[in-house]
PDB file of all heavy atoms in Angstrom:
ATOM      1  N   ALA A   1       7.597   2.662  10.195  1.00  0.00           N
ATOM      2  CA  ALA A   1       6.300   2.126   9.783  1.00  0.00           C
ATOM      3  C   ALA A   1       5.235   3.176  10.056  1.00  0.00           C
ATOM      4  O   ALA A   1       4.937   3.469  11.212  1.00  0.00           O
ATOM      5  CB  ALA A   1       5.985   0.834  10.528  1.00  0.00           C
ATOM      6  N   SER A   2       4.665   3.740   9.007  1.00  0.00           N
ATOM      7  CA  SER A   2       3.723   4.833   9.179  1.00  0.00           C
ATOM      8  C   SER A   2       2.425   4.540   8.438  1.00  0.00           C
ATOM      9  O   SER A   2       2.314   3.577   7.674  1.00  0.00           O
ATOM     10  CB  SER A   2       4.324   6.145   8.673  1.00  0.00           C
ATOM     11  OG  SER A   2       4.593   6.065   7.283  1.00  0.00           O
ATOM     12  N   THR A   3       1.460   5.398   8.676  1.00  0.00           N
ATOM     13  CA  THR A   3       0.154   5.289   8.030  1.00  0.00           C
ATOM     14  C   THR A   3      -0.008   6.436   7.047  1.00  0.00           C
ATOM     15  O   THR A   3       0.106   7.600   7.433  1.00  0.00           O
ATOM     16  CB  THR A   3      -0.971   5.338   9.076  1.00  0.00           C
ATOM     17  OG1 THR A   3      -0.748   4.333  10.072  1.00  0.00           O
ATOM     18  CG2 THR A   3      -2.320   5.106   8.421  1.00  0.00           C
ATOM     19  N   VAL A   4      -0.231   6.113   5.804  1.00  0.00           N
ATOM     20  CA  VAL A   4      -0.442   7.125   4.774  1.00  0.00           C
ATOM     21  C   VAL A   4      -1.732   6.797   4.029  1.00  0.00           C
ATOM     22  O   VAL A   4      -2.226   5.664   4.067  1.00  0.00           O
ATOM     23  CB  VAL A   4       0.742   7.197   3.785  1.00  0.00           C
ATOM     24  CG1 VAL A   4       2.021   7.578   4.506  1.00  0.00           C
ATOM     25  CG2 VAL A   4       0.921   5.870   3.056  1.00  0.00           C
ATOM     26  N   LYS A   5      -2.261   7.794   3.368  1.00  0.00           N
ATOM     27  CA  LYS A   5      -3.468   7.592   2.574  1.00  0.00           C
ATOM     28  C   LYS A   5      -3.086   6.972   1.248  1.00  0.00           C
ATOM     29  O   LYS A   5      -2.373   7.566   0.441  1.00  0.00           O
ATOM     30  CB  LYS A   5      -4.193   8.925   2.352  1.00  0.00           C
ATOM     31  CG  LYS A   5      -5.536   8.776   1.664  1.00  0.00           C
ATOM     32  CD  LYS A   5      -6.255  10.103   1.549  1.00  0.00           C
ATOM     33  CE  LYS A   5      -7.610   9.941   0.871  1.00  0.00           C
ATOM     34  NZ  LYS A   5      -8.323  11.251   0.756  1.00  0.00           N
ATOM     35  N   LEU A   6      -3.531   5.750   1.023  1.00  0.00           N
ATOM     36  CA  LEU A   6      -3.192   5.022  -0.191  1.00  0.00           C
ATOM     37  C   LEU A   6      -4.455   4.720  -0.983  1.00  0.00           C
ATOM     38  O   LEU A   6      -5.490   4.369  -0.409  1.00  0.00           O
ATOM     39  CB  LEU A   6      -2.490   3.697   0.145  1.00  0.00           C
ATOM     40  CG  LEU A   6      -1.075   3.759   0.714  1.00  0.00           C
ATOM     41  CD1 LEU A   6      -0.606   2.366   1.074  1.00  0.00           C
ATOM     42  CD2 LEU A   6      -0.114   4.407  -0.260  1.00  0.00           C
ATOM     43  N   THR A   7      -4.335   4.857  -2.271  1.00  0.00           N
ATOM     44  CA  THR A   7      -5.399   4.367  -3.146  1.00  0.00           C
ATOM     45  C   THR A   7      -5.046   2.953  -3.586  1.00  0.00           C
ATOM     46  O   THR A   7      -3.872   2.552  -3.570  1.00  0.00           O
ATOM     47  CB  THR A   7      -5.563   5.272  -4.372  1.00  0.00           C
ATOM     48  OG1 THR A   7      -4.315   5.324  -5.089  1.00  0.00           O
ATOM     49  CG2 THR A   7      -5.965   6.676  -3.944  1.00  0.00           C
ATOM     50  N   SER A   8      -6.026   2.204  -3.951  1.00  0.00           N
ATOM     51  CA  SER A   8      -5.778   0.828  -4.370  1.00  0.00           C
ATOM     52  C   SER A   8      -6.768   0.428  -5.449  1.00  0.00           C
ATOM     53  O   SER A   8      -7.815   1.062  -5.624  1.00  0.00           O
ATOM     54  CB  SER A   8      -5.887  -0.129  -3.173  1.00  0.00           C
ATOM     55  OG  SER A   8      -7.202  -0.112  -2.641  1.00  0.00           O
ATOM     56  N   TYR A   9      -6.403  -0.619  -6.167  1.00  0.00           N
ATOM     57  CA  TYR A   9      -7.289  -1.192  -7.171  1.00  0.00           C
ATOM     58  C   TYR A   9      -7.371  -2.678  -6.934  1.00  0.00           C
ATOM     59  O   TYR A   9      -6.380  -3.403  -7.053  1.00  0.00           O
ATOM     60  CB  TYR A   9      -6.781  -0.899  -8.583  1.00  0.00           C
ATOM     61  CG  TYR A   9      -7.654  -1.500  -9.671  1.00  0.00           C
ATOM     62  CD1 TYR A   9      -8.906  -0.961  -9.953  1.00  0.00           C
ATOM     63  CD2 TYR A   9      -7.231  -2.594 -10.395  1.00  0.00           C
ATOM     64  CE1 TYR A   9      -9.717  -1.503 -10.936  1.00  0.00           C
ATOM     65  CE2 TYR A   9      -8.028  -3.149 -11.389  1.00  0.00           C
ATOM     66  CZ  TYR A   9      -9.268  -2.593 -11.653  1.00  0.00           C
ATOM     67  OH  TYR A   9     -10.062  -3.140 -12.622  1.00  0.00           O
ATOM     68  N   ARG A  10      -8.550  -3.125  -6.512  1.00  0.00           N
ATOM     69  CA  ARG A  10      -8.780  -4.539  -6.244  1.00  0.00           C
ATOM     70  C   ARG A  10      -7.736  -5.112  -5.295  1.00  0.00           C
ATOM     71  O   ARG A  10      -7.030  -6.074  -5.611  1.00  0.00           O
ATOM     72  CB  ARG A  10      -8.851  -5.323  -7.548  1.00  0.00           C
ATOM     73  CG  ARG A  10     -10.076  -4.926  -8.380  1.00  0.00           C
ATOM     74  CD  ARG A  10     -10.281  -5.794  -9.597  1.00  0.00           C
ATOM     75  NE  ARG A  10     -11.597  -5.531 -10.202  1.00  0.00           N
ATOM     76  CZ  ARG A  10     -12.053  -6.118 -11.297  1.00  0.00           C
ATOM     77  NH1 ARG A  10     -11.306  -6.996 -11.920  1.00  0.00           N
ATOM     78  NH2 ARG A  10     -13.241  -5.831 -11.757  1.00  0.00           N
ATOM     79  N   ALA A  11      -7.627  -4.477  -4.135  1.00  0.00           N
ATOM     80  CA  ALA A  11      -6.794  -4.917  -3.011  1.00  0.00           C
ATOM     81  C   ALA A  11      -5.304  -4.685  -3.218  1.00  0.00           C
ATOM     82  O   ALA A  11      -4.511  -4.984  -2.338  1.00  0.00           O
ATOM     83  CB  ALA A  11      -7.039  -6.395  -2.678  1.00  0.00           C
ATOM     84  N   TRP A  12      -4.905  -4.141  -4.369  1.00  0.00           N
ATOM     85  CA  TRP A  12      -3.480  -3.904  -4.621  1.00  0.00           C
ATOM     86  C   TRP A  12      -3.210  -2.405  -4.511  1.00  0.00           C
ATOM     87  O   TRP A  12      -3.772  -1.614  -5.262  1.00  0.00           O
ATOM     88  CB  TRP A  12      -3.085  -4.408  -6.006  1.00  0.00           C
ATOM     89  CG  TRP A  12      -1.616  -4.335  -6.277  1.00  0.00           C
ATOM     90  CD1 TRP A  12      -0.949  -3.366  -6.971  1.00  0.00           C
ATOM     91  CD2 TRP A  12      -0.614  -5.255  -5.842  1.00  0.00           C
ATOM     92  NE1 TRP A  12       0.389  -3.627  -7.014  1.00  0.00           N
ATOM     93  CE2 TRP A  12       0.631  -4.785  -6.314  1.00  0.00           C
ATOM     94  CE3 TRP A  12      -0.647  -6.428  -5.088  1.00  0.00           C
ATOM     95  CZ2 TRP A  12       1.826  -5.448  -6.067  1.00  0.00           C
ATOM     96  CZ3 TRP A  12       0.547  -7.089  -4.850  1.00  0.00           C
ATOM     97  CH2 TRP A  12       1.756  -6.607  -5.331  1.00  0.00           C
ATOM     98  N   PRO A  13      -2.358  -1.972  -3.563  1.00  0.00           N
ATOM     99  CA  PRO A  13      -2.125  -0.536  -3.378  1.00  0.00           C
ATOM    100  C   PRO A  13      -1.362   0.080  -4.543  1.00  0.00           C
ATOM    101  O   PRO A  13      -0.506  -0.571  -5.154  1.00  0.00           O
ATOM    102  CB  PRO A  13      -1.305  -0.469  -2.081  1.00  0.00           C
ATOM    103  CG  PRO A  13      -0.682  -1.820  -1.945  1.00  0.00           C
ATOM    104  CD  PRO A  13      -1.621  -2.790  -2.596  1.00  0.00           C
ATOM    105  N   ASN A  14      -1.687   1.331  -4.862  1.00  0.00           N
ATOM    106  CA  ASN A  14      -0.919   2.090  -5.841  1.00  0.00           C
ATOM    107  C   ASN A  14       0.329   2.627  -5.151  1.00  0.00           C
ATOM    108  O   ASN A  14       0.247   3.326  -4.143  1.00  0.00           O
ATOM    109  CB  ASN A  14      -1.769   3.231  -6.403  1.00  0.00           C
ATOM    110  CG  ASN A  14      -2.958   2.715  -7.190  1.00  0.00           C
ATOM    111  OD1 ASN A  14      -2.840   1.756  -7.948  1.00  0.00           O
ATOM    112  ND2 ASN A  14      -4.118   3.328  -6.989  1.00  0.00           N
ATOM    113  N   MET A  15       1.498   2.329  -5.704  1.00  0.00           N
ATOM    114  CA  MET A  15       2.763   2.555  -5.011  1.00  0.00           C
ATOM    115  C   MET A  15       3.613   3.606  -5.707  1.00  0.00           C
ATOM    116  O   MET A  15       3.511   3.803  -6.911  1.00  0.00           O
ATOM    117  CB  MET A  15       3.556   1.246  -4.925  1.00  0.00           C
ATOM    118  CG  MET A  15       2.783   0.089  -4.363  1.00  0.00           C
ATOM    119  SD  MET A  15       3.749  -1.434  -4.429  1.00  0.00           S
ATOM    120  CE  MET A  15       2.463  -2.641  -4.080  1.00  0.00           C
ATOM    121  N   HIS A  16       4.485   4.225  -4.911  1.00  0.00           N
ATOM    122  CA  HIS A  16       5.506   5.108  -5.460  1.00  0.00           C
ATOM    123  C   HIS A  16       6.655   4.255  -5.982  1.00  0.00           C
ATOM    124  O   HIS A  16       7.070   3.299  -5.334  1.00  0.00           O
ATOM    125  CB  HIS A  16       6.014   6.070  -4.385  1.00  0.00           C
ATOM    126  CG  HIS A  16       4.952   6.971  -3.832  1.00  0.00           C
ATOM    127  ND1 HIS A  16       4.514   8.081  -4.500  1.00  0.00           N
ATOM    128  CD2 HIS A  16       4.249   6.915  -2.689  1.00  0.00           C
ATOM    129  CE1 HIS A  16       3.578   8.679  -3.788  1.00  0.00           C
ATOM    130  NE2 HIS A  16       3.392   7.997  -2.680  1.00  0.00           N
ATOM    131  N   ASP A  17       7.179   4.621  -7.136  1.00  0.00           N
ATOM    132  CA  ASP A  17       8.256   3.815  -7.715  1.00  0.00           C
ATOM    133  C   ASP A  17       9.637   4.301  -7.305  1.00  0.00           C
ATOM    134  O   ASP A  17      10.645   3.767  -7.764  1.00  0.00           O
ATOM    135  CB  ASP A  17       8.148   3.794  -9.239  1.00  0.00           C
ATOM    136  CG  ASP A  17       8.175   5.189  -9.853  1.00  0.00           C
ATOM    137  OD1 ASP A  17       8.325   6.170  -9.089  1.00  0.00           O
ATOM    138  OD2 ASP A  17       8.028   5.305 -11.080  1.00  0.00           O
ATOM    139  N   SER A  18       9.726   5.321  -6.433  1.00  0.00           N
ATOM    140  CA  SER A  18      11.031   5.842  -6.045  1.00  0.00           C
ATOM    141  C   SER A  18      11.204   5.868  -4.527  1.00  0.00           C
ATOM    142  O   SER A  18      12.027   6.609  -4.011  1.00  0.00           O
ATOM    143  CB  SER A  18      11.225   7.264  -6.600  1.00  0.00           C
ATOM    144  OG  SER A  18      10.256   8.146  -6.057  1.00  0.00           O
ATOM    145  N   GLN A  19      10.426   5.069  -3.807  1.00  0.00           N
ATOM    146  CA  GLN A  19      10.570   4.978  -2.360  1.00  0.00           C
ATOM    147  C   GLN A  19      11.102   3.614  -1.976  1.00  0.00           C
ATOM    148  O   GLN A  19      10.676   2.594  -2.531  1.00  0.00           O
ATOM    149  CB  GLN A  19       9.232   5.221  -1.661  1.00  0.00           C
ATOM    150  CG  GLN A  19       8.797   6.674  -1.628  1.00  0.00           C
ATOM    151  CD  GLN A  19       7.567   6.857  -0.767  1.00  0.00           C
ATOM    152  OE1 GLN A  19       6.743   5.963  -0.646  1.00  0.00           O
ATOM    153  NE2 GLN A  19       7.443   8.019  -0.154  1.00  0.00           N
ATOM    154  N   PHE A  20      12.024   3.609  -1.015  1.00  0.00           N
ATOM    155  CA  PHE A  20      12.521   2.348  -0.481  1.00  0.00           C
ATOM    156  C   PHE A  20      11.506   1.892   0.558  1.00  0.00           C
ATOM    157  O   PHE A  20      11.661   2.131   1.759  1.00  0.00           O
ATOM    158  CB  PHE A  20      13.912   2.533   0.114  1.00  0.00           C
ATOM    159  CG  PHE A  20      14.924   2.985  -0.899  1.00  0.00           C
ATOM    160  CD1 PHE A  20      15.181   4.333  -1.092  1.00  0.00           C
ATOM    161  CD2 PHE A  20      15.594   2.066  -1.683  1.00  0.00           C
ATOM    162  CE1 PHE A  20      16.110   4.760  -2.033  1.00  0.00           C
ATOM    163  CE2 PHE A  20      16.525   2.483  -2.637  1.00  0.00           C
ATOM    164  CZ  PHE A  20      16.776   3.827  -2.813  1.00  0.00           C
ATOM    165  N   ALA A  21      10.471   1.231   0.079  1.00  0.00           N
ATOM    166  CA  ALA A  21       9.309   0.985   0.926  1.00  0.00           C
ATOM    167  C   ALA A  21       8.674  -0.352   0.596  1.00  0.00           C
ATOM    168  O   ALA A  21       8.827  -0.889  -0.505  1.00  0.00           O
ATOM    169  CB  ALA A  21       8.276   2.102   0.754  1.00  0.00           C
ATOM    170  N   LEU A  22       7.963  -0.879   1.578  1.00  0.00           N
ATOM    171  CA  LEU A  22       7.079  -2.017   1.396  1.00  0.00           C
ATOM    172  C   LEU A  22       5.678  -1.583   1.806  1.00  0.00           C
ATOM    173  O   LEU A  22       5.522  -0.749   2.705  1.00  0.00           O
ATOM    174  CB  LEU A  22       7.539  -3.207   2.249  1.00  0.00           C
ATOM    175  CG  LEU A  22       8.906  -3.798   1.908  1.00  0.00           C
ATOM    176  CD1 LEU A  22       9.323  -4.809   2.968  1.00  0.00           C
ATOM    177  CD2 LEU A  22       8.890  -4.455   0.534  1.00  0.00           C
ATOM    178  N   TYR A  23       4.670  -2.144   1.163  1.00  0.00           N
ATOM    179  CA  TYR A  23       3.287  -1.748   1.391  1.00  0.00           C
ATOM    180  C   TYR A  23       2.516  -2.953   1.940  1.00  0.00           C
ATOM    181  O   TYR A  23       2.597  -4.054   1.397  1.00  0.00           O
ATOM    182  CB  TYR A  23       2.645  -1.255   0.100  1.00  0.00           C
ATOM    183  CG  TYR A  23       3.287  -0.004  -0.441  1.00  0.00           C
ATOM    184  CD1 TYR A  23       4.472  -0.066  -1.175  1.00  0.00           C
ATOM    185  CD2 TYR A  23       2.728   1.245  -0.212  1.00  0.00           C
ATOM    186  CE1 TYR A  23       5.076   1.080  -1.669  1.00  0.00           C
ATOM    187  CE2 TYR A  23       3.315   2.401  -0.703  1.00  0.00           C
ATOM    188  CZ  TYR A  23       4.494   2.303  -1.431  1.00  0.00           C
ATOM    189  OH  TYR A  23       5.092   3.445  -1.914  1.00  0.00           O
ATOM    190  N   LYS A  24       1.743  -2.697   2.986  1.00  0.00           N
ATOM    191  CA  LYS A  24       1.021  -3.798   3.629  1.00  0.00           C
ATOM    192  C   LYS A  24      -0.278  -4.088   2.890  1.00  0.00           C
ATOM    193  O   LYS A  24      -1.037  -3.173   2.559  1.00  0.00           O
ATOM    194  CB  LYS A  24       0.719  -3.463   5.085  1.00  0.00           C
ATOM    195  CG  LYS A  24       0.257  -4.672   5.904  1.00  0.00           C
ATOM    196  CD  LYS A  24       0.197  -4.364   7.382  1.00  0.00           C
ATOM    197  CE  LYS A  24      -0.056  -5.632   8.188  1.00  0.00           C
ATOM    198  NZ  LYS A  24      -0.108  -5.353   9.651  1.00  0.00           N
ATOM    199  N   LEU A  25      -0.520  -5.380   2.654  1.00  0.00           N
ATOM    200  CA  LEU A  25      -1.759  -5.783   2.014  1.00  0.00           C
ATOM    201  C   LEU A  25      -2.848  -5.956   3.064  1.00  0.00           C
ATOM    202  O   LEU A  25      -2.641  -6.665   4.056  1.00  0.00           O
ATOM    203  CB  LEU A  25      -1.573  -7.104   1.256  1.00  0.00           C
ATOM    204  CG  LEU A  25      -0.752  -7.064  -0.022  1.00  0.00           C
ATOM    205  CD1 LEU A  25      -0.714  -8.451  -0.647  1.00  0.00           C
ATOM    206  CD2 LEU A  25      -1.313  -6.065  -1.014  1.00  0.00           C
ATOM    207  N   PRO A  26      -4.004  -5.327   2.871  1.00  0.00           N
ATOM    208  CA  PRO A  26      -5.103  -5.538   3.814  1.00  0.00           C
ATOM    209  C   PRO A  26      -5.643  -6.950   3.680  1.00  0.00           C
ATOM    210  O   PRO A  26      -5.980  -7.398   2.578  1.00  0.00           O
ATOM    211  CB  PRO A  26      -6.138  -4.487   3.391  1.00  0.00           C
ATOM    212  CG  PRO A  26      -5.826  -4.200   1.952  1.00  0.00           C
ATOM    213  CD  PRO A  26      -4.349  -4.384   1.789  1.00  0.00           C
ATOM    214  N   MET A  27      -5.700  -7.657   4.783  1.00  0.00           N
ATOM    215  CA  MET A  27      -6.139  -9.052   4.776  1.00  0.00           C
ATOM    216  C   MET A  27      -7.538  -9.138   5.375  1.00  0.00           C
ATOM    217  O   MET A  27      -7.739  -8.846   6.549  1.00  0.00           O
ATOM    218  CB  MET A  27      -5.171  -9.924   5.572  1.00  0.00           C
ATOM    219  CG  MET A  27      -5.516 -11.400   5.562  1.00  0.00           C
ATOM    220  SD  MET A  27      -5.061 -12.237   4.029  1.00  0.00           S
ATOM    221  CE  MET A  27      -3.279 -12.201   4.167  1.00  0.00           C
ATOM    222  N   GLN A  28      -8.516  -9.535   4.563  1.00  0.00           N
ATOM    223  CA  GLN A  28      -9.877  -9.698   5.063  1.00  0.00           C
ATOM    224  C   GLN A  28      -9.995 -11.018   5.825  1.00  0.00           C
ATOM    225  O   GLN A  28      -9.422 -12.030   5.435  1.00  0.00           O
ATOM    226  CB  GLN A  28     -10.877  -9.670   3.910  1.00  0.00           C
ATOM    227  CG  GLN A  28     -10.975  -8.331   3.209  1.00  0.00           C
ATOM    228  CD  GLN A  28     -12.040  -8.351   2.112  1.00  0.00           C
ATOM    229  OE1 GLN A  28     -12.712  -9.366   1.885  1.00  0.00           O
ATOM    230  NE2 GLN A  28     -12.189  -7.234   1.420  1.00  0.00           N
ATOM    231  N   ALA A  29     -10.748 -10.972   6.918  1.00  0.00           N
ATOM    232  CA  ALA A  29     -10.976 -12.180   7.695  1.00  0.00           C
ATOM    233  C   ALA A  29     -12.071 -13.018   7.060  1.00  0.00           C
ATOM    234  O   ALA A  29     -12.997 -12.498   6.430  1.00  0.00           O
ATOM    235  CB  ALA A  29     -11.364 -11.804   9.124  1.00  0.00           C
TER     236      ALA A  29
END
């Protein structure tokens, strides 16, 4: 579980399509 610089569009992260990965959604309080 690491921290990388991700771009997003309207709370949805832009993802790599060739990584065995899950991306965390930022949850606003």
